[in-house]
């Protein structure tokens, strides 16, 4: 990997620090918390993927993720807890004051 200029060196340094702070199992656990949802109807867990995304007909934005189980009409809305803990969205973090972070 070649890193050039100050910004590239700083970005590389941040990646190295992140790797040192969180081991692989911790990072995998964080990914699972963020991308593994539980259907509110059948309560089965599933992984988020683009084919399951439900979109708004007017603006095309993703509104939630459909349950992949046959004959299940469950949808987990974005931003709503699905029974599995998730990280706060970046928008929520931006809206918090510095003392609440």
PDB file of N, CA and C in Angstrom:
ATOM      1  N   UNK A   1       0.851  -1.166   0.000  1.00  0.00           N
ATOM      2  CA  UNK A   1       0.000   0.000   0.000  1.00  0.00           C
ATOM      3  C   UNK A   1       0.900   1.232   0.000  1.00  0.00           C
ATOM      4  N   UNK A   2       0.638   2.148  -0.905  1.00  0.00           N
ATOM      5  CA  UNK A   2       1.389   3.386  -0.981  1.00  0.00           C
ATOM      6  C   UNK A   2       0.539   4.521  -0.426  1.00  0.00           C
ATOM      7  N   UNK A   3       1.108   5.291   0.475  1.00  0.00           N
ATOM      8  CA  UNK A   3       0.421   6.421   1.070  1.00  0.00           C
ATOM      9  C   UNK A   3       1.209   7.674   0.712  1.00  0.00           C
ATOM     10  N   UNK A   4       0.519   8.630   0.114  1.00  0.00           N
ATOM     11  CA  UNK A   4       1.179   9.859  -0.311  1.00  0.00           C
ATOM     12  C   UNK A   4       0.494  11.063   0.295  1.00  0.00           C
ATOM     13  N   UNK A   5       1.245  12.089   0.496  1.00  0.00           N
ATOM     14  CA  UNK A   5       0.782  13.372   1.012  1.00  0.00           C
ATOM     15  C   UNK A   5       0.286  13.259   2.444  1.00  0.00           C
ATOM     16  N   UNK A   6       0.140  14.401   3.094  1.00  0.00           N
ATOM     17  CA  UNK A   6      -0.217  14.476   4.508  1.00  0.00           C
ATOM     18  C   UNK A   6      -1.576  13.828   4.797  1.00  0.00           C
ATOM     19  N   UNK A   7      -2.587  14.100   3.975  1.00  0.00           N
ATOM     20  CA  UNK A   7      -3.933  13.555   4.245  1.00  0.00           C
ATOM     21  C   UNK A   7      -3.935  12.029   4.167  1.00  0.00           C
ATOM     22  N   UNK A   8      -3.207  11.464   3.226  1.00  0.00           N
ATOM     23  CA  UNK A   8      -3.131  10.012   3.106  1.00  0.00           C
ATOM     24  C   UNK A   8      -2.415   9.383   4.287  1.00  0.00           C
ATOM     25  N   UNK A   9      -1.374  10.033   4.759  1.00  0.00           N
ATOM     26  CA  UNK A   9      -0.632   9.530   5.917  1.00  0.00           C
ATOM     27  C   UNK A   9      -1.518   9.570   7.164  1.00  0.00           C
ATOM     28  N   UNK A  10      -2.270  10.663   7.323  1.00  0.00           N
ATOM     29  CA  UNK A  10      -3.169  10.779   8.480  1.00  0.00           C
ATOM     30  C   UNK A  10      -4.279   9.725   8.427  1.00  0.00           C
ATOM     31  N   UNK A  11      -4.858   9.513   7.238  1.00  0.00           N
ATOM     32  CA  UNK A  11      -5.912   8.508   7.097  1.00  0.00           C
ATOM     33  C   UNK A  11      -5.371   7.108   7.398  1.00  0.00           C
ATOM     34  N   UNK A  12      -4.174   6.822   6.920  1.00  0.00           N
ATOM     35  CA  UNK A  12      -3.554   5.529   7.190  1.00  0.00           C
ATOM     36  C   UNK A  12      -3.294   5.364   8.688  1.00  0.00           C
ATOM     37  N   UNK A  13      -2.833   6.429   9.333  1.00  0.00           N
ATOM     38  CA  UNK A  13      -2.593   6.385  10.775  1.00  0.00           C
ATOM     39  C   UNK A  13      -3.865   6.094  11.558  1.00  0.00           C
ATOM     40  N   UNK A  14      -4.987   6.692  11.130  1.00  0.00           N
ATOM     41  CA  UNK A  14      -6.271   6.445  11.801  1.00  0.00           C
ATOM     42  C   UNK A  14      -6.703   4.990  11.639  1.00  0.00           C
ATOM     43  N   UNK A  15      -6.484   4.416  10.453  1.00  0.00           N
ATOM     44  CA  UNK A  15      -6.831   3.006  10.236  1.00  0.00           C
ATOM     45  C   UNK A  15      -6.004   2.087  11.129  1.00  0.00           C
ATOM     46  N   UNK A  16      -4.729   2.410  11.266  1.00  0.00           N
ATOM     47  CA  UNK A  16      -3.855   1.603  12.128  1.00  0.00           C
ATOM     48  C   UNK A  16      -4.316   1.707  13.576  1.00  0.00           C
ATOM     49  N   UNK A  17      -4.628   2.925  14.043  1.00  0.00           N
ATOM     50  CA  UNK A  17      -5.111   3.111  15.414  1.00  0.00           C
ATOM     51  C   UNK A  17      -6.409   2.356  15.657  1.00  0.00           C
ATOM     52  N   UNK A  18      -7.321   2.408  14.692  1.00  0.00           N
ATOM     53  CA  UNK A  18      -8.597   1.718  14.830  1.00  0.00           C
ATOM     54  C   UNK A  18      -8.357   0.213  14.954  1.00  0.00           C
ATOM     55  N   UNK A  19      -7.437  -0.300  14.174  1.00  0.00           N
ATOM     56  CA  UNK A  19      -7.123  -1.724  14.238  1.00  0.00           C
ATOM     57  C   UNK A  19      -6.503  -2.120  15.563  1.00  0.00           C
ATOM     58  N   UNK A  20      -5.739  -1.218  16.168  1.00  0.00           N
ATOM     59  CA  UNK A  20      -5.121  -1.506  17.448  1.00  0.00           C
ATOM     60  C   UNK A  20      -6.131  -1.429  18.594  1.00  0.00           C
ATOM     61  N   UNK A  21      -7.087  -0.510  18.485  1.00  0.00           N
ATOM     62  CA  UNK A  21      -8.068  -0.317  19.559  1.00  0.00           C
ATOM     63  C   UNK A  21      -9.092  -1.437  19.614  1.00  0.00           C
ATOM     64  N   UNK A  22      -9.595  -1.851  18.483  1.00  0.00           N
ATOM     65  CA  UNK A  22     -10.657  -2.859  18.446  1.00  0.00           C
ATOM     66  C   UNK A  22     -10.150  -4.115  17.753  1.00  0.00           C
ATOM     67  N   UNK A  23     -10.194  -5.231  18.465  1.00  0.00           N
ATOM     68  CA  UNK A  23      -9.772  -6.473  17.837  1.00  0.00           C
ATOM     69  C   UNK A  23     -10.822  -6.925  16.824  1.00  0.00           C
ATOM     70  N   UNK A  24     -10.514  -7.924  16.079  1.00  0.00           N
ATOM     71  CA  UNK A  24     -11.378  -8.385  14.996  1.00  0.00           C
ATOM     72  C   UNK A  24     -12.746  -8.837  15.510  1.00  0.00           C
ATOM     73  N   UNK A  25     -12.769  -9.556  16.610  1.00  0.00           N
ATOM     74  CA  UNK A  25     -14.046 -10.052  17.135  1.00  0.00           C
ATOM     75  C   UNK A  25     -14.948  -8.903  17.585  1.00  0.00           C
ATOM     76  N   UNK A  26     -14.368  -7.857  18.148  1.00  0.00           N
ATOM     77  CA  UNK A  26     -15.154  -6.691  18.546  1.00  0.00           C
ATOM     78  C   UNK A  26     -15.745  -6.012  17.331  1.00  0.00           C
ATOM     79  N   UNK A  27     -14.954  -5.863  16.273  1.00  0.00           N
ATOM     80  CA  UNK A  27     -15.446  -5.211  15.068  1.00  0.00           C
ATOM     81  C   UNK A  27     -16.523  -6.044  14.386  1.00  0.00           C
ATOM     82  N   UNK A  28     -16.386  -7.362  14.390  1.00  0.00           N
ATOM     83  CA  UNK A  28     -17.418  -8.227  13.812  1.00  0.00           C
ATOM     84  C   UNK A  28     -18.705  -8.111  14.620  1.00  0.00           C
ATOM     85  N   UNK A  29     -18.593  -8.037  15.940  1.00  0.00           N
ATOM     86  CA  UNK A  29     -19.767  -7.864  16.791  1.00  0.00           C
ATOM     87  C   UNK A  29     -20.468  -6.545  16.483  1.00  0.00           C
ATOM     88  N   UNK A  30     -19.704  -5.488  16.240  1.00  0.00           N
ATOM     89  CA  UNK A  30     -20.290  -4.193  15.889  1.00  0.00           C
ATOM     90  C   UNK A  30     -21.028  -4.268  14.553  1.00  0.00           C
ATOM     91  N   UNK A  31     -20.448  -4.975  13.592  1.00  0.00           N
ATOM     92  CA  UNK A  31     -21.119  -5.148  12.296  1.00  0.00           C
ATOM     93  C   UNK A  31     -22.422  -5.919  12.456  1.00  0.00           C
ATOM     94  N   UNK A  32     -22.395  -6.960  13.286  1.00  0.00           N
ATOM     95  CA  UNK A  32     -23.604  -7.752  13.493  1.00  0.00           C
ATOM     96  C   UNK A  32     -24.698  -6.909  14.147  1.00  0.00           C
ATOM     97  N   UNK A  33     -24.330  -6.070  15.117  1.00  0.00           N
ATOM     98  CA  UNK A  33     -25.318  -5.208  15.760  1.00  0.00           C
ATOM     99  C   UNK A  33     -25.943  -4.239  14.764  1.00  0.00           C
ATOM    100  N   UNK A  34     -25.162  -3.796  13.813  1.00  0.00           N
ATOM    101  CA  UNK A  34     -25.643  -2.805  12.854  1.00  0.00           C
ATOM    102  C   UNK A  34     -26.448  -3.424  11.719  1.00  0.00           C
ATOM    103  N   UNK A  35     -26.061  -4.605  11.245  1.00  0.00           N
ATOM    104  CA  UNK A  35     -26.643  -5.150  10.019  1.00  0.00           C
ATOM    105  C   UNK A  35     -27.462  -6.421  10.198  1.00  0.00           C
ATOM    106  N   UNK A  36     -27.644  -6.897  11.404  1.00  0.00           N
ATOM    107  CA  UNK A  36     -28.505  -8.069  11.641  1.00  0.00           C
ATOM    108  C   UNK A  36     -29.756  -7.576  12.360  1.00  0.00           C
ATOM    109  N   UNK A  37     -30.893  -7.757  11.714  1.00  0.00           N
ATOM    110  CA  UNK A  37     -32.165  -7.267  12.235  1.00  0.00           C
ATOM    111  C   UNK A  37     -33.058  -8.427  12.621  1.00  0.00           C
ATOM    112  N   UNK A  38     -34.121  -8.126  13.359  1.00  0.00           N
ATOM    113  CA  UNK A  38     -35.101  -9.144  13.738  1.00  0.00           C
ATOM    114  C   UNK A  38     -36.466  -8.698  13.238  1.00  0.00           C
ATOM    115  N   UNK A  39     -37.148  -9.590  12.536  1.00  0.00           N
ATOM    116  CA  UNK A  39     -38.464  -9.290  11.985  1.00  0.00           C
ATOM    117  C   UNK A  39     -39.459  -9.036  13.120  1.00  0.00           C
ATOM    118  N   UNK A  40     -40.231  -7.947  13.043  1.00  0.00           N
ATOM    119  CA  UNK A  40     -41.210  -7.665  14.086  1.00  0.00           C
ATOM    120  C   UNK A  40     -42.433  -8.593  14.036  1.00  0.00           C
ATOM    121  N   UNK A  41     -42.623  -9.296  12.915  1.00  0.00           N
ATOM    122  CA  UNK A  41     -43.784 -10.174  12.769  1.00  0.00           C
ATOM    123  C   UNK A  41     -43.445 -11.609  13.171  1.00  0.00           C
ATOM    124  N   UNK A  42     -42.451 -12.208  12.516  1.00  0.00           N
ATOM    125  CA  UNK A  42     -42.122 -13.617  12.790  1.00  0.00           C
ATOM    126  C   UNK A  42     -40.963 -13.773  13.785  1.00  0.00           C
ATOM    127  N   UNK A  43     -40.328 -12.693  14.161  1.00  0.00           N
ATOM    128  CA  UNK A  43     -39.210 -12.614  15.120  1.00  0.00           C
ATOM    129  C   UNK A  43     -37.946 -13.360  14.689  1.00  0.00           C
ATOM    130  N   UNK A  44     -37.844 -13.737  13.433  1.00  0.00           N
ATOM    131  CA  UNK A  44     -36.633 -14.400  12.960  1.00  0.00           C
ATOM    132  C   UNK A  44     -35.584 -13.351  12.598  1.00  0.00           C
ATOM    133  N   UNK A  45     -34.315 -13.599  12.983  1.00  0.00           N
ATOM    134  CA  UNK A  45     -33.263 -12.648  12.621  1.00  0.00           C
ATOM    135  C   UNK A  45     -32.858 -12.811  11.156  1.00  0.00           C
ATOM    136  N   UNK A  46     -32.396 -11.714  10.556  1.00  0.00           N
ATOM    137  CA  UNK A  46     -31.902 -11.766   9.180  1.00  0.00           C
ATOM    138  C   UNK A  46     -30.867 -10.674   8.971  1.00  0.00           C
ATOM    139  N   UNK A  47     -30.010 -10.891   7.981  1.00  0.00           N
ATOM    140  CA  UNK A  47     -28.975  -9.915   7.628  1.00  0.00           C
ATOM    141  C   UNK A  47     -29.537  -8.935   6.602  1.00  0.00           C
ATOM    142  N   UNK A  48     -29.207  -7.673   6.765  1.00  0.00           N
ATOM    143  CA  UNK A  48     -29.616  -6.626   5.828  1.00  0.00           C
ATOM    144  C   UNK A  48     -28.896  -6.852   4.502  1.00  0.00           C
ATOM    145  N   UNK A  49     -29.627  -6.731   3.397  1.00  0.00           N
ATOM    146  CA  UNK A  49     -28.986  -6.726   2.089  1.00  0.00           C
ATOM    147  C   UNK A  49     -29.827  -5.870   1.139  1.00  0.00           C
ATOM    148  N   UNK A  50     -29.235  -5.384   0.058  1.00  0.00           N
ATOM    149  CA  UNK A  50     -29.937  -4.455  -0.830  1.00  0.00           C
ATOM    150  C   UNK A  50     -31.236  -4.992  -1.419  1.00  0.00           C
ATOM    151  N   UNK A  51     -31.335  -6.310  -1.641  1.00  0.00           N
ATOM    152  CA  UNK A  51     -32.547  -6.868  -2.226  1.00  0.00           C
ATOM    153  C   UNK A  51     -33.747  -6.774  -1.284  1.00  0.00           C
ATOM    154  N   UNK A  52     -33.493  -6.628   0.014  1.00  0.00           N
ATOM    155  CA  UNK A  52     -34.572  -6.568   0.996  1.00  0.00           C
ATOM    156  C   UNK A  52     -35.007  -5.134   1.306  1.00  0.00           C
ATOM    157  N   UNK A  53     -34.350  -4.169   0.707  1.00  0.00           N
ATOM    158  CA  UNK A  53     -34.659  -2.768   0.994  1.00  0.00           C
ATOM    159  C   UNK A  53     -36.022  -2.380   0.440  1.00  0.00           C
ATOM    160  N   UNK A  54     -36.827  -1.758   1.274  1.00  0.00           N
ATOM    161  CA  UNK A  54     -38.109  -1.204   0.853  1.00  0.00           C
ATOM    162  C   UNK A  54     -37.923   0.285   0.649  1.00  0.00           C
ATOM    163  N   UNK A  55     -38.391   0.800  -0.483  1.00  0.00           N
ATOM    164  CA  UNK A  55     -38.166   2.209  -0.792  1.00  0.00           C
ATOM    165  C   UNK A  55     -39.466   2.999  -0.863  1.00  0.00           C
ATOM    166  N   UNK A  56     -39.342   4.292  -0.667  1.00  0.00           N
ATOM    167  CA  UNK A  56     -40.456   5.215  -0.799  1.00  0.00           C
ATOM    168  C   UNK A  56     -40.722   5.435  -2.282  1.00  0.00           C
ATOM    169  N   UNK A  57     -41.965   5.321  -2.705  1.00  0.00           N
ATOM    170  CA  UNK A  57     -42.301   5.446  -4.135  1.00  0.00           C
ATOM    171  C   UNK A  57     -42.060   6.852  -4.663  1.00  0.00           C
ATOM    172  N   UNK A  58     -42.156   7.845  -3.798  1.00  0.00           N
ATOM    173  CA  UNK A  58     -42.028   9.228  -4.258  1.00  0.00           C
ATOM    174  C   UNK A  58     -40.584   9.693  -4.404  1.00  0.00           C
ATOM    175  N   UNK A  59     -39.737   9.384  -3.408  1.00  0.00           N
ATOM    176  CA  UNK A  59     -38.369   9.903  -3.465  1.00  0.00           C
ATOM    177  C   UNK A  59     -37.297   8.828  -3.598  1.00  0.00           C
ATOM    178  N   UNK A  60     -37.663   7.567  -3.545  1.00  0.00           N
ATOM    179  CA  UNK A  60     -36.711   6.477  -3.750  1.00  0.00           C
ATOM    180  C   UNK A  60     -35.823   6.171  -2.556  1.00  0.00           C
ATOM    181  N   UNK A  61     -36.044   6.832  -1.419  1.00  0.00           N
ATOM    182  CA  UNK A  61     -35.226   6.579  -0.234  1.00  0.00           C
ATOM    183  C   UNK A  61     -35.623   5.264   0.421  1.00  0.00           C
ATOM    184  N   UNK A  62     -34.635   4.600   1.003  1.00  0.00           N
ATOM    185  CA  UNK A  62     -34.891   3.347   1.709  1.00  0.00           C
ATOM    186  C   UNK A  62     -35.651   3.659   2.990  1.00  0.00           C
ATOM    187  N   UNK A  63     -36.772   2.966   3.205  1.00  0.00           N
ATOM    188  CA  UNK A  63     -37.595   3.202   4.390  1.00  0.00           C
ATOM    189  C   UNK A  63     -37.499   2.071   5.403  1.00  0.00           C
ATOM    190  N   UNK A  64     -37.043   0.896   4.971  1.00  0.00           N
ATOM    191  CA  UNK A  64     -36.917  -0.240   5.868  1.00  0.00           C
ATOM    192  C   UNK A  64     -36.461  -1.469   5.111  1.00  0.00           C
ATOM    193  N   UNK A  65     -36.404  -2.584   5.833  1.00  0.00           N
ATOM    194  CA  UNK A  65     -35.973  -3.846   5.227  1.00  0.00           C
ATOM    195  C   UNK A  65     -37.034  -4.908   5.460  1.00  0.00           C
ATOM    196  N   UNK A  66     -37.435  -5.589   4.364  1.00  0.00           N
ATOM    197  CA  UNK A  66     -38.453  -6.637   4.411  1.00  0.00           C
ATOM    198  C   UNK A  66     -37.853  -7.928   4.954  1.00  0.00           C
ATOM    199  N   UNK A  67     -38.673  -8.679   5.656  1.00  0.00           N
ATOM    200  CA  UNK A  67     -38.259  -9.987   6.147  1.00  0.00           C
ATOM    201  C   UNK A  67     -38.109 -10.943   4.959  1.00  0.00           C
ATOM    202  N   UNK A  68     -37.026 -11.728   4.897  1.00  0.00           N
ATOM    203  CA  UNK A  68     -36.820 -12.630   3.759  1.00  0.00           C
ATOM    204  C   UNK A  68     -37.614 -13.932   3.833  1.00  0.00           C
ATOM    205  N   UNK A  69     -38.289 -14.195   4.952  1.00  0.00           N
ATOM    206  CA  UNK A  69     -39.042 -15.443   5.092  1.00  0.00           C
ATOM    207  C   UNK A  69     -40.251 -15.458   4.158  1.00  0.00           C
ATOM    208  N   UNK A  70     -40.530 -16.631   3.577  1.00  0.00           N
ATOM    209  CA  UNK A  70     -41.710 -16.786   2.719  1.00  0.00           C
ATOM    210  C   UNK A  70     -42.975 -16.529   3.529  1.00  0.00           C
ATOM    211  N   UNK A  71     -43.938 -15.874   2.933  1.00  0.00           N
ATOM    212  CA  UNK A  71     -45.244 -15.581   3.527  1.00  0.00           C
ATOM    213  C   UNK A  71     -45.186 -14.679   4.758  1.00  0.00           C
ATOM    214  N   UNK A  72     -44.076 -13.997   4.981  1.00  0.00           N
ATOM    215  CA  UNK A  72     -43.985 -13.048   6.085  1.00  0.00           C
ATOM    216  C   UNK A  72     -44.001 -11.641   5.491  1.00  0.00           C
ATOM    217  N   UNK A  73     -44.844 -10.769   6.019  1.00  0.00           N
ATOM    218  CA  UNK A  73     -44.984  -9.408   5.501  1.00  0.00           C
ATOM    219  C   UNK A  73     -44.293  -8.388   6.403  1.00  0.00           C
ATOM    220  N   UNK A  74     -43.445  -8.848   7.320  1.00  0.00           N
ATOM    221  CA  UNK A  74     -42.788  -7.961   8.267  1.00  0.00           C
ATOM    222  C   UNK A  74     -41.772  -7.035   7.610  1.00  0.00           C
ATOM    223  N   UNK A  75     -41.711  -5.808   8.112  1.00  0.00           N
ATOM    224  CA  UNK A  75     -40.741  -4.814   7.645  1.00  0.00           C
ATOM    225  C   UNK A  75     -40.139  -4.149   8.878  1.00  0.00           C
ATOM    226  N   UNK A  76     -38.802  -4.072   8.912  1.00  0.00           N
ATOM    227  CA  UNK A  76     -38.119  -3.362   9.987  1.00  0.00           C
ATOM    228  C   UNK A  76     -37.813  -1.961   9.469  1.00  0.00           C
ATOM    229  N   UNK A  77     -38.490  -0.936  10.008  1.00  0.00           N
ATOM    230  CA  UNK A  77     -38.229   0.436   9.558  1.00  0.00           C
ATOM    231  C   UNK A  77     -36.817   0.877   9.938  1.00  0.00           C
ATOM    232  N   UNK A  78     -36.236   1.715   9.131  1.00  0.00           N
ATOM    233  CA  UNK A  78     -34.905   2.245   9.432  1.00  0.00           C
ATOM    234  C   UNK A  78     -35.016   3.158  10.641  1.00  0.00           C
ATOM    235  N   UNK A  79     -34.068   3.003  11.555  1.00  0.00           N
ATOM    236  CA  UNK A  79     -34.045   3.844  12.739  1.00  0.00           C
ATOM    237  C   UNK A  79     -34.887   3.321  13.882  1.00  0.00           C
ATOM    238  N   UNK A  80     -35.610   2.234  13.670  1.00  0.00           N
ATOM    239  CA  UNK A  80     -36.435   1.654  14.732  1.00  0.00           C
ATOM    240  C   UNK A  80     -35.758   0.392  15.243  1.00  0.00           C
ATOM    241  N   UNK A  81     -35.684   0.225  16.563  1.00  0.00           N
ATOM    242  CA  UNK A  81     -35.065  -0.987  17.090  1.00  0.00           C
ATOM    243  C   UNK A  81     -35.840  -2.221  16.635  1.00  0.00           C
ATOM    244  N   UNK A  82     -35.100  -3.282  16.339  1.00  0.00           N
ATOM    245  CA  UNK A  82     -35.757  -4.504  15.863  1.00  0.00           C
ATOM    246  C   UNK A  82     -35.539  -5.653  16.819  1.00  0.00           C
ATOM    247  N   UNK A  83     -35.216  -5.348  18.065  1.00  0.00           N
ATOM    248  CA  UNK A  83     -34.943  -6.416  19.017  1.00  0.00           C
ATOM    249  C   UNK A  83     -33.463  -6.694  19.144  1.00  0.00           C
ATOM    250  N   UNK A  84     -32.658  -6.165  18.242  1.00  0.00           N
ATOM    251  CA  UNK A  84     -31.216  -6.290  18.335  1.00  0.00           C
ATOM    252  C   UNK A  84     -30.644  -4.889  18.462  1.00  0.00           C
ATOM    253  N   UNK A  85     -29.638  -4.695  19.332  1.00  0.00           N
ATOM    254  CA  UNK A  85     -29.097  -3.357  19.510  1.00  0.00           C
ATOM    255  C   UNK A  85     -28.389  -2.879  18.248  1.00  0.00           C
ATOM    256  N   UNK A  86     -28.511  -1.598  17.959  1.00  0.00           N
ATOM    257  CA  UNK A  86     -27.839  -1.029  16.798  1.00  0.00           C
ATOM    258  C   UNK A  86     -27.085   0.214  17.205  1.00  0.00           C
ATOM    259  N   UNK A  87     -26.111   0.600  16.422  1.00  0.00           N
ATOM    260  CA  UNK A  87     -25.383   1.837  16.660  1.00  0.00           C
ATOM    261  C   UNK A  87     -26.273   3.007  16.285  1.00  0.00           C
ATOM    262  N   UNK A  88     -26.092   4.159  16.951  1.00  0.00           N
ATOM    263  CA  UNK A  88     -26.868   5.326  16.543  1.00  0.00           C
ATOM    264  C   UNK A  88     -26.447   5.772  15.157  1.00  0.00           C
ATOM    265  N   UNK A  89     -27.390   6.317  14.440  1.00  0.00           N
ATOM    266  CA  UNK A  89     -27.065   6.795  13.100  1.00  0.00           C
ATOM    267  C   UNK A  89     -26.197   8.037  13.205  1.00  0.00           C
ATOM    268  N   UNK A  90     -25.409   8.354  12.173  1.00  0.00           N
ATOM    269  CA  UNK A  90     -24.591   9.555  12.209  1.00  0.00           C
ATOM    270  C   UNK A  90     -25.430  10.818  12.414  1.00  0.00           C
ATOM    271  N   UNK A  91     -26.654  10.858  11.880  1.00  0.00           N
ATOM    272  CA  UNK A  91     -27.510  12.030  12.032  1.00  0.00           C
ATOM    273  C   UNK A  91     -27.848  12.251  13.504  1.00  0.00           C
ATOM    274  N   UNK A  92     -28.112  11.156  14.247  1.00  0.00           N
ATOM    275  CA  UNK A  92     -28.413  11.290  15.663  1.00  0.00           C
ATOM    276  C   UNK A  92     -27.215  11.828  16.418  1.00  0.00           C
ATOM    277  N   UNK A  93     -26.005  11.368  16.057  1.00  0.00           N
ATOM    278  CA  UNK A  93     -24.803  11.838  16.717  1.00  0.00           C
ATOM    279  C   UNK A  93     -24.570  13.321  16.452  1.00  0.00           C
ATOM    280  N   UNK A  94     -24.841  13.779  15.244  1.00  0.00           N
ATOM    281  CA  UNK A  94     -24.644  15.176  14.899  1.00  0.00           C
ATOM    282  C   UNK A  94     -25.616  16.060  15.662  1.00  0.00           C
ATOM    283  N   UNK A  95     -26.842  15.570  15.867  1.00  0.00           N
ATOM    284  CA  UNK A  95     -27.860  16.372  16.527  1.00  0.00           C
ATOM    285  C   UNK A  95     -27.647  16.482  18.026  1.00  0.00           C
ATOM    286  N   UNK A  96     -26.842  15.582  18.619  1.00  0.00           N
ATOM    287  CA  UNK A  96     -26.579  15.638  20.053  1.00  0.00           C
ATOM    288  C   UNK A  96     -25.626  16.785  20.359  1.00  0.00           C
ATOM    289  N   UNK A  97     -25.787  17.354  21.534  1.00  0.00           N
ATOM    290  CA  UNK A  97     -24.825  18.370  21.936  1.00  0.00           C
ATOM    291  C   UNK A  97     -23.545  17.684  22.374  1.00  0.00           C
ATOM    292  N   UNK A  98     -22.457  18.412  22.458  1.00  0.00           N
ATOM    293  CA  UNK A  98     -21.154  17.838  22.791  1.00  0.00           C
ATOM    294  C   UNK A  98     -21.167  17.155  24.152  1.00  0.00           C
ATOM    295  N   UNK A  99     -21.898  17.689  25.123  1.00  0.00           N
ATOM    296  CA  UNK A  99     -21.902  17.084  26.449  1.00  0.00           C
ATOM    297  C   UNK A  99     -22.692  15.777  26.498  1.00  0.00           C
ATOM    298  N   UNK A 100     -23.630  15.556  25.557  1.00  0.00           N
ATOM    299  CA  UNK A 100     -24.435  14.338  25.539  1.00  0.00           C
ATOM    300  C   UNK A 100     -23.757  13.182  24.816  1.00  0.00           C
ATOM    301  N   UNK A 101     -22.653  13.423  24.161  1.00  0.00           N
ATOM    302  CA  UNK A 101     -21.975  12.353  23.393  1.00  0.00           C
ATOM    303  C   UNK A 101     -21.190  11.448  24.244  1.00  0.00           C
TER     304      UNK A 101
END
